[in-house]
Structures are given as C-alpha cells and as structure tokens.
Amino acid sequence: LTGGTQEGYINLVTPRFPAPSSAPLGTMAMTFHLLP
C-alpha cells in the first residue's frame, strides 16, 4: 500500500493578522484629521 502520510513533514501555518477595523473609512479619516 502506498499513498499514506510521510513522517517528518512540517505543516506551515499561515499567521493570522488582526482584521481591519469595521469603522467606515470616512469616520476614520475625520478622526485622523481632527487629531492634531
């Protein structure tokens, strides 16, 4: 029988980045504009 899982292989896990804020882009732009 062939086709089984070979031992010694490394499973690479793709890192998960934080999801972007769900706030509307207009609201975020206004916040940065008023910050100074």
PDB file of all heavy atoms in Angstrom:
ATOM      1  N   LEU A   1       0.836  -1.201   0.000  1.00  0.00           N
ATOM      2  CA  LEU A   1       0.000   0.000   0.000  1.00  0.00           C
ATOM      3  C   LEU A   1       0.873   1.253   0.000  1.00  0.00           C
ATOM      4  O   LEU A   1       1.824   1.355   0.776  1.00  0.00           O
ATOM      5  CB  LEU A   1      -0.923   0.022   1.220  1.00  0.00           C
ATOM      6  CG  LEU A   1      -2.023  -1.041   1.292  1.00  0.00           C
ATOM      7  CD1 LEU A   1      -2.835  -0.859   2.561  1.00  0.00           C
ATOM      8  CD2 LEU A   1      -2.927  -0.981   0.073  1.00  0.00           C
ATOM      9  N   THR A   2       0.559   2.199  -0.863  1.00  0.00           N
ATOM     10  CA  THR A   2       1.296   3.462  -0.928  1.00  0.00           C
ATOM     11  C   THR A   2       0.315   4.622  -0.938  1.00  0.00           C
ATOM     12  O   THR A   2      -0.865   4.448  -1.252  1.00  0.00           O
ATOM     13  CB  THR A   2       2.168   3.526  -2.191  1.00  0.00           C
ATOM     14  OG1 THR A   2       1.332   3.396  -3.354  1.00  0.00           O
ATOM     15  CG2 THR A   2       3.217   2.431  -2.197  1.00  0.00           C
ATOM     16  N   GLY A   3       0.839   5.801  -0.619  1.00  0.00           N
ATOM     17  CA  GLY A   3      -0.004   6.992  -0.633  1.00  0.00           C
ATOM     18  C   GLY A   3      -0.345   7.515   0.745  1.00  0.00           C
ATOM     19  O   GLY A   3      -1.085   8.491   0.879  1.00  0.00           O
ATOM     20  N   GLY A   4       0.222   6.895   1.786  1.00  0.00           N
ATOM     21  CA  GLY A   4      -0.014   7.351   3.148  1.00  0.00           C
ATOM     22  C   GLY A   4       0.783   8.604   3.461  1.00  0.00           C
ATOM     23  O   GLY A   4       1.581   9.089   2.653  1.00  0.00           O
ATOM     24  N   THR A   5       0.594   9.126   4.667  1.00  0.00           N
ATOM     25  CA  THR A   5       1.279  10.339   5.098  1.00  0.00           C
ATOM     26  C   THR A   5       2.733  10.033   5.460  1.00  0.00           C
ATOM     27  O   THR A   5       3.007   9.116   6.224  1.00  0.00           O
ATOM     28  CB  THR A   5       0.575  10.935   6.330  1.00  0.00           C
ATOM     29  OG1 THR A   5      -0.781  11.204   6.004  1.00  0.00           O
ATOM     30  CG2 THR A   5       1.251  12.228   6.782  1.00  0.00           C
ATOM     31  N   GLN A   6       3.638  10.795   4.873  1.00  0.00           N
ATOM     32  CA  GLN A   6       5.056  10.636   5.179  1.00  0.00           C
ATOM     33  C   GLN A   6       5.383  11.389   6.461  1.00  0.00           C
ATOM     34  O   GLN A   6       4.948  12.525   6.645  1.00  0.00           O
ATOM     35  CB  GLN A   6       5.918  11.172   4.033  1.00  0.00           C
ATOM     36  CG  GLN A   6       5.715  10.426   2.722  1.00  0.00           C
ATOM     37  CD  GLN A   6       6.256   9.012   2.741  1.00  0.00           C
ATOM     38  OE1 GLN A   6       7.061   8.666   3.610  1.00  0.00           O
ATOM     39  NE2 GLN A   6       5.825   8.194   1.807  1.00  0.00           N
ATOM     40  N   GLU A   7       6.139  10.768   7.332  1.00  0.00           N
ATOM     41  CA  GLU A   7       6.510  11.407   8.593  1.00  0.00           C
ATOM     42  C   GLU A   7       7.700  12.344   8.382  1.00  0.00           C
ATOM     43  O   GLU A   7       8.525  12.137   7.506  1.00  0.00           O
ATOM     44  CB  GLU A   7       6.844  10.344   9.636  1.00  0.00           C
ATOM     45  CG  GLU A   7       5.647   9.452   9.962  1.00  0.00           C
ATOM     46  CD  GLU A   7       5.994   8.383  10.973  1.00  0.00           C
ATOM     47  OE1 GLU A   7       6.367   8.750  12.099  1.00  0.00           O
ATOM     48  OE2 GLU A   7       5.888   7.195  10.635  1.00  0.00           O
ATOM     49  N   GLY A   8       7.780  13.397   9.216  1.00  0.00           N
ATOM     50  CA  GLY A   8       8.884  14.331   9.141  1.00  0.00           C
ATOM     51  C   GLY A   8       8.566  15.602   8.388  1.00  0.00           C
ATOM     52  O   GLY A   8       9.383  16.512   8.329  1.00  0.00           O
ATOM     53  N   TYR A   9       7.370  15.669   7.805  1.00  0.00           N
ATOM     54  CA  TYR A   9       6.982  16.888   7.105  1.00  0.00           C
ATOM     55  C   TYR A   9       6.521  17.938   8.111  1.00  0.00           C
ATOM     56  O   TYR A   9       5.923  17.618   9.123  1.00  0.00           O
ATOM     57  CB  TYR A   9       5.852  16.596   6.113  1.00  0.00           C
ATOM     58  CG  TYR A   9       6.348  15.999   4.816  1.00  0.00           C
ATOM     59  CD1 TYR A   9       6.817  14.686   4.774  1.00  0.00           C
ATOM     60  CD2 TYR A   9       6.362  16.748   3.646  1.00  0.00           C
ATOM     61  CE1 TYR A   9       7.280  14.128   3.591  1.00  0.00           C
ATOM     62  CE2 TYR A   9       6.815  16.199   2.458  1.00  0.00           C
ATOM     63  CZ  TYR A   9       7.278  14.891   2.430  1.00  0.00           C
ATOM     64  OH  TYR A   9       7.731  14.352   1.267  1.00  0.00           O
ATOM     65  N   ILE A  10       6.809  19.206   7.796  1.00  0.00           N
ATOM     66  CA  ILE A  10       6.412  20.308   8.669  1.00  0.00           C
ATOM     67  C   ILE A  10       5.209  21.006   8.068  1.00  0.00           C
ATOM     68  O   ILE A  10       5.224  21.399   6.905  1.00  0.00           O
ATOM     69  CB  ILE A  10       7.561  21.317   8.850  1.00  0.00           C
ATOM     70  CG1 ILE A  10       8.781  20.630   9.467  1.00  0.00           C
ATOM     71  CG2 ILE A  10       7.106  22.505   9.703  1.00  0.00           C
ATOM     72  CD1 ILE A  10       9.999  21.528   9.563  1.00  0.00           C
ATOM     73  N   ASN A  11       4.162  21.124   8.841  1.00  0.00           N
ATOM     74  CA  ASN A  11       2.985  21.850   8.386  1.00  0.00           C
ATOM     75  C   ASN A  11       3.163  23.334   8.685  1.00  0.00           C
ATOM     76  O   ASN A  11       3.331  23.726   9.837  1.00  0.00           O
ATOM     77  CB  ASN A  11       1.725  21.338   9.091  1.00  0.00           C
ATOM     78  CG  ASN A  11       1.389  19.931   8.646  1.00  0.00           C
ATOM     79  OD1 ASN A  11       1.600  19.565   7.502  1.00  0.00           O
ATOM     80  ND2 ASN A  11       0.844  19.137   9.567  1.00  0.00           N
ATOM     81  N   LEU A  12       3.180  24.154   7.647  1.00  0.00           N
ATOM     82  CA  LEU A  12       3.326  25.588   7.821  1.00  0.00           C
ATOM     83  C   LEU A  12       1.959  26.205   8.055  1.00  0.00           C
ATOM     84  O   LEU A  12       1.036  26.004   7.272  1.00  0.00           O
ATOM     85  CB  LEU A  12       3.971  26.209   6.571  1.00  0.00           C
ATOM     86  CG  LEU A  12       5.397  25.737   6.255  1.00  0.00           C
ATOM     87  CD1 LEU A  12       5.884  26.382   4.965  1.00  0.00           C
ATOM     88  CD2 LEU A  12       6.332  26.073   7.410  1.00  0.00           C
ATOM     89  N   VAL A  13       1.857  26.960   9.123  1.00  0.00           N
ATOM     90  CA  VAL A  13       0.603  27.615   9.464  1.00  0.00           C
ATOM     91  C   VAL A  13       0.701  29.079   9.102  1.00  0.00           C
ATOM     92  O   VAL A  13       1.606  29.780   9.542  1.00  0.00           O
ATOM     93  CB  VAL A  13       0.293  27.463  10.972  1.00  0.00           C
ATOM     94  CG1 VAL A  13      -1.019  28.164  11.312  1.00  0.00           C
ATOM     95  CG2 VAL A  13       0.252  25.994  11.362  1.00  0.00           C
ATOM     96  N   THR A  14      -0.192  29.544   8.258  1.00  0.00           N
ATOM     97  CA  THR A  14      -0.192  30.953   7.851  1.00  0.00           C
ATOM     98  C   THR A  14      -0.623  31.826   9.016  1.00  0.00           C
ATOM     99  O   THR A  14      -1.670  31.588   9.612  1.00  0.00           O
ATOM    100  CB  THR A  14      -1.169  31.163   6.681  1.00  0.00           C
ATOM    101  OG1 THR A  14      -0.796  30.288   5.618  1.00  0.00           O
ATOM    102  CG2 THR A  14      -1.137  32.604   6.202  1.00  0.00           C
ATOM    103  N   PRO A  15       0.214  32.837   9.398  1.00  0.00           N
ATOM    104  CA  PRO A  15      -0.162  33.685  10.546  1.00  0.00           C
ATOM    105  C   PRO A  15      -1.410  34.484  10.245  1.00  0.00           C
ATOM    106  O   PRO A  15      -1.637  34.903   9.111  1.00  0.00           O
ATOM    107  CB  PRO A  15       1.053  34.598  10.726  1.00  0.00           C
ATOM    108  CG  PRO A  15       1.709  34.621   9.380  1.00  0.00           C
ATOM    109  CD  PRO A  15       1.485  33.259   8.787  1.00  0.00           C
ATOM    110  N   ARG A  16      -2.199  34.688  11.263  1.00  0.00           N
ATOM    111  CA  ARG A  16      -3.417  35.463  11.127  1.00  0.00           C
ATOM    112  C   ARG A  16      -3.187  36.871  11.652  1.00  0.00           C
ATOM    113  O   ARG A  16      -2.754  37.053  12.784  1.00  0.00           O
ATOM    114  CB  ARG A  16      -4.565  34.801  11.895  1.00  0.00           C
ATOM    115  CG  ARG A  16      -4.985  33.456  11.318  1.00  0.00           C
ATOM    116  CD  ARG A  16      -6.215  32.943  12.035  1.00  0.00           C
ATOM    117  NE  ARG A  16      -6.676  31.690  11.449  1.00  0.00           N
ATOM    118  CZ  ARG A  16      -7.758  31.041  11.862  1.00  0.00           C
ATOM    119  NH1 ARG A  16      -8.484  31.534  12.862  1.00  0.00           N
ATOM    120  NH2 ARG A  16      -8.111  29.908  11.292  1.00  0.00           N
ATOM    121  N   PHE A  17      -3.446  37.859  10.819  1.00  0.00           N
ATOM    122  CA  PHE A  17      -3.287  39.240  11.228  1.00  0.00           C
ATOM    123  C   PHE A  17      -4.616  39.776  11.718  1.00  0.00           C
ATOM    124  O   PHE A  17      -5.674  39.328  11.279  1.00  0.00           O
ATOM    125  CB  PHE A  17      -2.789  40.085  10.050  1.00  0.00           C
ATOM    126  CG  PHE A  17      -1.428  39.675   9.569  1.00  0.00           C
ATOM    127  CD1 PHE A  17      -1.300  38.853   8.453  1.00  0.00           C
ATOM    128  CD2 PHE A  17      -0.292  40.081  10.244  1.00  0.00           C
ATOM    129  CE1 PHE A  17      -0.047  38.466   8.019  1.00  0.00           C
ATOM    130  CE2 PHE A  17       0.964  39.695   9.804  1.00  0.00           C
ATOM    131  CZ  PHE A  17       1.090  38.884   8.697  1.00  0.00           C
ATOM    132  N   PRO A  18      -4.574  40.787  12.632  1.00  0.00           N
ATOM    133  CA  PRO A  18      -5.832  41.353  13.121  1.00  0.00           C
ATOM    134  C   PRO A  18      -6.648  41.904  11.968  1.00  0.00           C
ATOM    135  O   PRO A  18      -6.116  42.499  11.039  1.00  0.00           O
ATOM    136  CB  PRO A  18      -5.376  42.484  14.063  1.00  0.00           C
ATOM    137  CG  PRO A  18      -3.977  42.121  14.429  1.00  0.00           C
ATOM    138  CD  PRO A  18      -3.395  41.407  13.240  1.00  0.00           C
ATOM    139  N   ALA A  19      -7.939  41.664  12.043  1.00  0.00           N
ATOM    140  CA  ALA A  19      -8.824  42.158  10.994  1.00  0.00           C
ATOM    141  C   ALA A  19      -8.894  43.671  11.063  1.00  0.00           C
ATOM    142  O   ALA A  19      -8.838  44.262  12.141  1.00  0.00           O
ATOM    143  CB  ALA A  19     -10.216  41.561  11.177  1.00  0.00           C
ATOM    144  N   PRO A  20      -8.983  44.324   9.897  1.00  0.00           N
ATOM    145  CA  PRO A  20      -9.091  45.788   9.898  1.00  0.00           C
ATOM    146  C   PRO A  20     -10.362  46.228  10.576  1.00  0.00           C
ATOM    147  O   PRO A  20     -11.340  45.493  10.648  1.00  0.00           O
ATOM    148  CB  PRO A  20      -9.106  46.139   8.401  1.00  0.00           C
ATOM    149  CG  PRO A  20      -9.570  44.887   7.722  1.00  0.00           C
ATOM    150  CD  PRO A  20      -9.017  43.762   8.551  1.00  0.00           C
ATOM    151  N   SER A  21     -10.313  47.440  11.116  1.00  0.00           N
ATOM    152  CA  SER A  21     -11.473  47.967  11.820  1.00  0.00           C
ATOM    153  C   SER A  21     -12.674  48.018  10.902  1.00  0.00           C
ATOM    154  O   SER A  21     -12.559  48.275   9.709  1.00  0.00           O
ATOM    155  CB  SER A  21     -11.165  49.381  12.341  1.00  0.00           C
ATOM    156  OG  SER A  21     -12.333  49.974  12.859  1.00  0.00           O
ATOM    157  N   SER A  22     -13.823  47.717  11.469  1.00  0.00           N
ATOM    158  CA  SER A  22     -15.050  47.748  10.687  1.00  0.00           C
ATOM    159  C   SER A  22     -15.632  49.156  10.596  1.00  0.00           C
ATOM    160  O   SER A  22     -16.677  49.369   9.996  1.00  0.00           O
ATOM    161  CB  SER A  22     -16.094  46.809  11.318  1.00  0.00           C
ATOM    162  OG  SER A  22     -16.359  47.208  12.653  1.00  0.00           O
ATOM    163  N   ALA A  23     -14.962  50.167  11.205  1.00  0.00           N
ATOM    164  CA  ALA A  23     -15.460  51.540  11.155  1.00  0.00           C
ATOM    165  C   ALA A  23     -15.411  52.061   9.732  1.00  0.00           C
ATOM    166  O   ALA A  23     -14.479  51.763   8.982  1.00  0.00           O
ATOM    167  CB  ALA A  23     -14.627  52.440  12.055  1.00  0.00           C
ATOM    168  N   PRO A  24     -16.376  52.834   9.323  1.00  0.00           N
ATOM    169  CA  PRO A  24     -16.374  53.405   7.966  1.00  0.00           C
ATOM    170  C   PRO A  24     -15.116  54.219   7.733  1.00  0.00           C
ATOM    171  O   PRO A  24     -14.595  54.875   8.625  1.00  0.00           O
ATOM    172  CB  PRO A  24     -17.626  54.284   7.957  1.00  0.00           C
ATOM    173  CG  PRO A  24     -18.495  53.724   9.055  1.00  0.00           C
ATOM    174  CD  PRO A  24     -17.552  53.232  10.097  1.00  0.00           C
ATOM    175  N   LEU A  25     -14.620  54.189   6.468  1.00  0.00           N
ATOM    176  CA  LEU A  25     -13.391  54.910   6.142  1.00  0.00           C
ATOM    177  C   LEU A  25     -13.550  56.403   6.360  1.00  0.00           C
ATOM    178  O   LEU A  25     -12.610  57.094   6.775  1.00  0.00           O
ATOM    179  CB  LEU A  25     -13.008  54.633   4.679  1.00  0.00           C
ATOM    180  CG  LEU A  25     -12.569  53.191   4.379  1.00  0.00           C
ATOM    181  CD1 LEU A  25     -12.291  53.045   2.883  1.00  0.00           C
ATOM    182  CD2 LEU A  25     -11.337  52.837   5.188  1.00  0.00           C
ATOM    183  N   GLY A  26     -14.723  56.927   6.099  1.00  0.00           N
ATOM    184  CA  GLY A  26     -14.943  58.368   6.289  1.00  0.00           C
ATOM    185  C   GLY A  26     -14.777  58.767   7.728  1.00  0.00           C
ATOM    186  O   GLY A  26     -14.169  59.786   8.054  1.00  0.00           O
ATOM    187  N   THR A  27     -15.320  57.947   8.641  1.00  0.00           N
ATOM    188  CA  THR A  27     -15.211  58.235  10.074  1.00  0.00           C
ATOM    189  C   THR A  27     -13.762  58.207  10.523  1.00  0.00           C
ATOM    190  O   THR A  27     -13.299  59.051  11.291  1.00  0.00           O
ATOM    191  CB  THR A  27     -16.025  57.211  10.882  1.00  0.00           C
ATOM    192  OG1 THR A  27     -17.377  57.247  10.431  1.00  0.00           O
ATOM    193  CG2 THR A  27     -15.962  57.503  12.365  1.00  0.00           C
ATOM    194  N   MET A  28     -12.982  57.187  10.025  1.00  0.00           N
ATOM    195  CA  MET A  28     -11.574  57.082  10.393  1.00  0.00           C
ATOM    196  C   MET A  28     -10.783  58.276   9.871  1.00  0.00           C
ATOM    197  O   MET A  28      -9.920  58.824  10.553  1.00  0.00           O
ATOM    198  CB  MET A  28     -10.994  55.777   9.828  1.00  0.00           C
ATOM    199  CG  MET A  28     -11.606  54.516  10.438  1.00  0.00           C
ATOM    200  SD  MET A  28     -10.962  53.029   9.667  1.00  0.00           S
ATOM    201  CE  MET A  28      -9.265  53.126  10.160  1.00  0.00           C
ATOM    202  N   ALA A  29     -11.086  58.698   8.632  1.00  0.00           N
ATOM    203  CA  ALA A  29     -10.370  59.842   8.062  1.00  0.00           C
ATOM    204  C   ALA A  29     -10.640  61.110   8.853  1.00  0.00           C
ATOM    205  O   ALA A  29      -9.739  61.919   9.099  1.00  0.00           O
ATOM    206  CB  ALA A  29     -10.786  60.023   6.595  1.00  0.00           C
ATOM    207  N   MET A  30     -11.875  61.313   9.258  1.00  0.00           N
ATOM    208  CA  MET A  30     -12.236  62.500  10.046  1.00  0.00           C
ATOM    209  C   MET A  30     -11.524  62.504  11.382  1.00  0.00           C
ATOM    210  O   MET A  30     -11.065  63.539  11.858  1.00  0.00           O
ATOM    211  CB  MET A  30     -13.746  62.530  10.240  1.00  0.00           C
ATOM    212  CG  MET A  30     -14.245  63.747  11.017  1.00  0.00           C
ATOM    213  SD  MET A  30     -13.899  65.308  10.154  1.00  0.00           S
ATOM    214  CE  MET A  30     -15.058  65.142   8.789  1.00  0.00           C
ATOM    215  N   THR A  31     -11.392  61.297  11.990  1.00  0.00           N
ATOM    216  CA  THR A  31     -10.720  61.195  13.289  1.00  0.00           C
ATOM    217  C   THR A  31      -9.259  61.619  13.166  1.00  0.00           C
ATOM    218  O   THR A  31      -8.733  62.367  13.985  1.00  0.00           O
ATOM    219  CB  THR A  31     -10.813  59.752  13.816  1.00  0.00           C
ATOM    220  OG1 THR A  31     -12.198  59.405  13.953  1.00  0.00           O
ATOM    221  CG2 THR A  31     -10.130  59.612  15.162  1.00  0.00           C
ATOM    222  N   PHE A  32      -8.554  61.111  12.117  1.00  0.00           N
ATOM    223  CA  PHE A  32      -7.155  61.473  11.926  1.00  0.00           C
ATOM    224  C   PHE A  32      -7.004  62.955  11.589  1.00  0.00           C
ATOM    225  O   PHE A  32      -6.038  63.598  11.963  1.00  0.00           O
ATOM    226  CB  PHE A  32      -6.533  60.616  10.817  1.00  0.00           C
ATOM    227  CG  PHE A  32      -6.252  59.209  11.246  1.00  0.00           C
ATOM    228  CD1 PHE A  32      -6.842  58.145  10.597  1.00  0.00           C
ATOM    229  CD2 PHE A  32      -5.400  58.957  12.311  1.00  0.00           C
ATOM    230  CE1 PHE A  32      -6.589  56.861  11.008  1.00  0.00           C
ATOM    231  CE2 PHE A  32      -5.135  57.672  12.719  1.00  0.00           C
ATOM    232  CZ  PHE A  32      -5.737  56.608  12.072  1.00  0.00           C
ATOM    233  N   HIS A  33      -7.976  63.515  10.871  1.00  0.00           N
ATOM    234  CA  HIS A  33      -7.919  64.937  10.503  1.00  0.00           C
ATOM    235  C   HIS A  33      -8.023  65.843  11.722  1.00  0.00           C
ATOM    236  O   HIS A  33      -7.362  66.869  11.811  1.00  0.00           O
ATOM    237  CB  HIS A  33      -9.049  65.247   9.506  1.00  0.00           C
ATOM    238  CG  HIS A  33      -9.112  66.701   9.121  1.00  0.00           C
ATOM    239  ND1 HIS A  33      -8.170  67.303   8.316  1.00  0.00           N
ATOM    240  CD2 HIS A  33     -10.010  67.675   9.460  1.00  0.00           C
ATOM    241  CE1 HIS A  33      -8.471  68.577   8.155  1.00  0.00           C
ATOM    242  NE2 HIS A  33      -9.587  68.841   8.837  1.00  0.00           N
ATOM    243  N   LEU A  34      -8.845  65.471  12.682  1.00  0.00           N
ATOM    244  CA  LEU A  34      -9.066  66.286  13.877  1.00  0.00           C
ATOM    245  C   LEU A  34      -8.049  66.038  14.976  1.00  0.00           C
ATOM    246  O   LEU A  34      -8.002  66.781  15.960  1.00  0.00           O
ATOM    247  CB  LEU A  34     -10.471  66.026  14.427  1.00  0.00           C
ATOM    248  CG  LEU A  34     -11.651  66.432  13.523  1.00  0.00           C
ATOM    249  CD1 LEU A  34     -12.964  66.025  14.165  1.00  0.00           C
ATOM    250  CD2 LEU A  34     -11.631  67.949  13.290  1.00  0.00           C
ATOM    251  N   LEU A  35      -7.258  64.997  14.846  1.00  0.00           N
ATOM    252  CA  LEU A  35      -6.352  64.608  15.924  1.00  0.00           C
ATOM    253  C   LEU A  35      -5.360  65.723  16.301  1.00  0.00           C
ATOM    254  O   LEU A  35      -5.195  66.028  17.492  1.00  0.00           O
ATOM    255  CB  LEU A  35      -5.592  63.327  15.534  1.00  0.00           C
ATOM    256  CG  LEU A  35      -4.728  62.704  16.624  1.00  0.00           C
ATOM    257  CD1 LEU A  35      -5.567  62.365  17.852  1.00  0.00           C
ATOM    258  CD2 LEU A  35      -4.019  61.462  16.112  1.00  0.00           C
ATOM    259  N   PRO A  36      -4.694  66.387  15.361  1.00  0.00           N
ATOM    260  CA  PRO A  36      -3.757  67.463  15.770  1.00  0.00           C
ATOM    261  C   PRO A  36      -4.447  68.568  16.559  1.00  0.00           C
ATOM    262  O   PRO A  36      -3.890  69.074  17.550  1.00  0.00           O
ATOM    263  CB  PRO A  36      -3.231  67.991  14.426  1.00  0.00           C
ATOM    264  CG  PRO A  36      -3.399  66.850  13.478  1.00  0.00           C
ATOM    265  CD  PRO A  36      -4.672  66.177  13.899  1.00  0.00           C
TER     266      PRO A  36
END
